[in-house]
Amino acid sequence: MAPLSIQSGVKYARTLLPETLLRSVSSVHTTISRHILPSAQSRCFKVCSSSRRRRRGLEAASLDELLEQAARVFMLSCHFLTVVLEEDGTPVDSEEFFQSLPSNTPLMVLEKGEMWTQNKVLRVIFAPFRVKTLNRSFPASVSPGGPDSPS
């Protein structure tokens, strides 16, 4: 059997795929290129470790680039990292979502097995203060306006 040339392979593929499908795939590729490639500008992000003890400012144009930088800076394995919003733990699991984030968004990088937890320090700071009143009775000589107070 004789080897097929590239042109014969293309002709064979065209017989399998209708012309409209080829055009729609081509237009999708063009649309994706127009919308994703130009918007991929480097932006700064505030990235912390799961314990929030280590924080770094990282600049990245894509989610993959951010993961690579976080792995290098925090000395983590690049293969099992997850990025979440530090505020509420929402996973940043798609390039589209990553591109929608504003600059300086606080992010957290998690290794395999780690989970997002709420920041306990912020919860204490923003918790409403509870004031307890003490109902004690004081002797007349100690209370204001008592017999021993100066007139």
Protein backbone atom coordinates (compact mmCIF):
# COMPACT_ATOMS: atom_id res chain seq x y z
CA MET A 1 0.00 0.00 0.00
CA ALA A 2 1.38 3.40 -1.01
CA PRO A 3 1.82 6.13 1.66
CA LEU A 4 -0.74 8.90 1.56
CA SER A 5 0.37 12.42 0.76
CA ILE A 6 -0.66 15.37 2.91
CA GLN A 7 -2.93 16.68 0.15
CA SER A 8 -4.75 13.38 -0.14
CA GLY A 9 -5.17 13.31 3.64
CA VAL A 10 -6.70 16.81 3.57
CA LYS A 11 -9.04 15.80 0.74
CA TYR A 12 -10.10 12.72 2.69
CA ALA A 13 -10.75 14.83 5.82
CA ARG A 14 -12.86 17.26 3.80
CA THR A 15 -15.05 14.41 2.61
CA LEU A 16 -15.68 13.45 6.23
CA LEU A 17 -16.38 16.97 7.50
CA PRO A 18 -19.03 19.17 5.98
CA GLU A 19 -17.90 22.61 4.81
CA THR A 20 -20.05 24.42 7.38
CA LEU A 21 -18.32 22.61 10.26
CA LEU A 22 -14.90 23.63 8.96
CA ARG A 23 -16.03 27.26 8.76
CA SER A 24 -17.53 27.25 12.26
CA VAL A 25 -14.37 25.74 13.78
CA SER A 26 -12.31 28.35 11.98
CA SER A 27 -14.53 31.20 13.21
CA VAL A 28 -14.42 29.89 16.79
CA HIS A 29 -10.62 29.83 16.62
CA THR A 30 -10.58 33.42 15.33
CA THR A 31 -13.04 34.57 18.00
CA ILE A 32 -11.04 32.95 20.79
CA SER A 33 -7.83 34.47 19.46
CA ARG A 34 -9.37 37.95 19.39
CA HIS A 35 -10.82 37.77 22.89
CA ILE A 36 -8.21 35.87 24.87
CA LEU A 37 -4.84 36.79 23.39
CA PRO A 38 -5.06 40.60 23.48
CA SER A 39 -6.44 40.65 27.04
CA ALA A 40 -3.58 38.57 28.43
CA GLN A 41 -1.64 41.45 29.98
CA SER A 42 0.42 40.95 33.11
CA ARG A 43 -1.33 42.02 36.29
CA CYS A 44 -0.28 42.00 39.94
CA PHE A 45 -1.87 39.68 42.48
CA LYS A 46 -1.44 39.38 46.24
CA VAL A 47 -0.76 35.68 46.82
CA CYS A 48 -0.47 33.95 50.18
CA SER A 49 0.19 30.43 51.42
CA SER A 50 -2.56 28.36 53.03
CA SER A 51 -1.39 29.39 56.51
CA ARG A 52 -1.39 33.08 55.43
CA ARG A 53 2.05 33.43 57.03
CA ARG A 54 3.82 34.00 53.73
CA ARG A 55 2.60 36.65 51.30
CA ARG A 56 4.06 37.77 47.99
CA GLY A 57 3.09 40.09 45.18
CA LEU A 58 3.20 38.17 41.90
CA GLU A 59 2.74 39.44 38.36
CA ALA A 60 1.19 37.10 35.81
CA ALA A 61 -0.65 37.22 32.51
CA SER A 62 -2.22 33.76 32.80
CA LEU A 63 -3.30 31.27 35.43
CA ASP A 64 -0.52 28.87 34.42
CA GLU A 65 2.06 31.62 34.77
CA LEU A 66 0.74 32.48 38.24
CA LEU A 67 0.90 28.81 39.29
CA GLU A 68 4.49 28.52 38.05
CA GLN A 69 5.54 31.67 39.91
CA ALA A 70 3.76 30.63 43.11
CA ALA A 71 5.44 27.22 42.97
CA ARG A 72 8.84 28.87 42.58
CA VAL A 73 8.34 31.58 45.22
CA PHE A 74 6.68 29.38 47.87
CA MET A 75 8.82 26.32 46.94
CA LEU A 76 5.82 24.09 46.17
CA SER A 77 5.25 21.26 43.72
CA CYS A 78 3.81 22.81 40.56
CA HIS A 79 1.78 19.71 39.67
CA PHE A 80 -0.74 19.77 42.51
CA LEU A 81 -1.51 23.44 43.12
CA THR A 82 -4.89 25.14 43.31
CA VAL A 83 -5.55 28.87 43.38
CA VAL A 84 -8.54 30.21 45.34
CA LEU A 85 -9.78 33.64 46.32
CA GLU A 86 -8.37 34.38 49.77
CA GLU A 87 -11.57 36.11 50.83
CA ASP A 88 -14.00 33.21 50.43
CA GLY A 89 -12.14 30.20 48.98
CA THR A 90 -13.74 30.33 45.50
CA PRO A 91 -11.55 28.21 43.20
CA VAL A 92 -9.89 30.03 40.32
CA ASP A 93 -10.07 27.01 38.04
CA SER A 94 -10.39 28.51 34.57
CA GLU A 95 -8.42 30.97 32.50
CA GLU A 96 -11.62 32.90 31.80
CA PHE A 97 -12.30 33.43 35.51
CA PHE A 98 -8.65 34.35 36.11
CA GLN A 99 -8.77 36.97 33.35
CA SER A 100 -11.91 38.49 34.91
CA LEU A 101 -10.17 39.17 38.23
CA PRO A 102 -9.04 42.75 38.88
CA SER A 103 -5.43 43.60 39.66
CA ASN A 104 -4.30 43.19 43.27
CA THR A 105 -6.91 40.51 43.97
CA PRO A 106 -5.88 38.59 47.13
CA LEU A 107 -5.36 34.93 46.20
CA MET A 108 -4.31 31.83 48.12
CA VAL A 109 -2.30 28.97 46.71
CA LEU A 110 -3.10 25.49 48.06
CA GLU A 111 -1.15 22.26 47.70
CA LYS A 112 -2.82 18.88 47.27
CA GLY A 113 -4.67 18.00 50.47
CA GLU A 114 -4.82 21.56 51.81
CA MET A 115 -8.15 23.34 52.18
CA TRP A 116 -9.12 26.97 52.39
CA THR A 117 -10.02 28.18 55.87
CA GLN A 118 -11.49 31.48 56.96
CA ASN A 119 -9.00 34.00 58.30
CA LYS A 120 -9.49 33.93 62.05
CA VAL A 121 -7.71 37.24 62.60
CA LEU A 122 -10.13 39.14 60.38
CA ARG A 123 -13.08 37.46 62.03
CA VAL A 124 -11.91 38.68 65.45
CA ILE A 125 -11.25 42.22 64.22
CA PHE A 126 -14.64 42.62 62.61
CA ALA A 127 -16.63 40.80 65.30
CA PRO A 128 -18.97 43.12 67.20
CA PHE A 129 -17.78 44.02 70.65
CA ARG A 130 -19.79 42.59 73.48
CA VAL A 131 -19.91 44.75 76.58
CA LYS A 132 -20.94 43.12 79.81
CA THR A 133 -22.31 45.27 82.54
CA LEU A 134 -21.62 44.27 86.07
CA ASN A 135 -24.48 44.59 88.50
CA ARG A 136 -22.75 45.09 91.77
CA SER A 137 -23.87 47.03 94.75
CA PHE A 138 -21.27 49.22 96.35
CA PRO A 139 -21.31 50.36 99.97
CA ALA A 140 -22.46 53.94 100.48
CA SER A 141 -18.96 55.05 101.41
CA VAL A 142 -17.56 53.94 98.03
CA SER A 143 -20.33 54.95 95.64
CA PRO A 144 -20.25 58.43 94.08
CA GLY A 145 -22.21 60.96 96.05
CA GLY A 146 -22.04 58.89 99.21
CA PRO A 147 -21.49 60.25 102.71
CA ASP A 148 -17.67 60.20 102.39
CA SER A 149 -17.58 62.10 99.09
CA PRO A 150 -16.47 65.74 99.11
CA SER A 151 -19.27 68.24 98.74
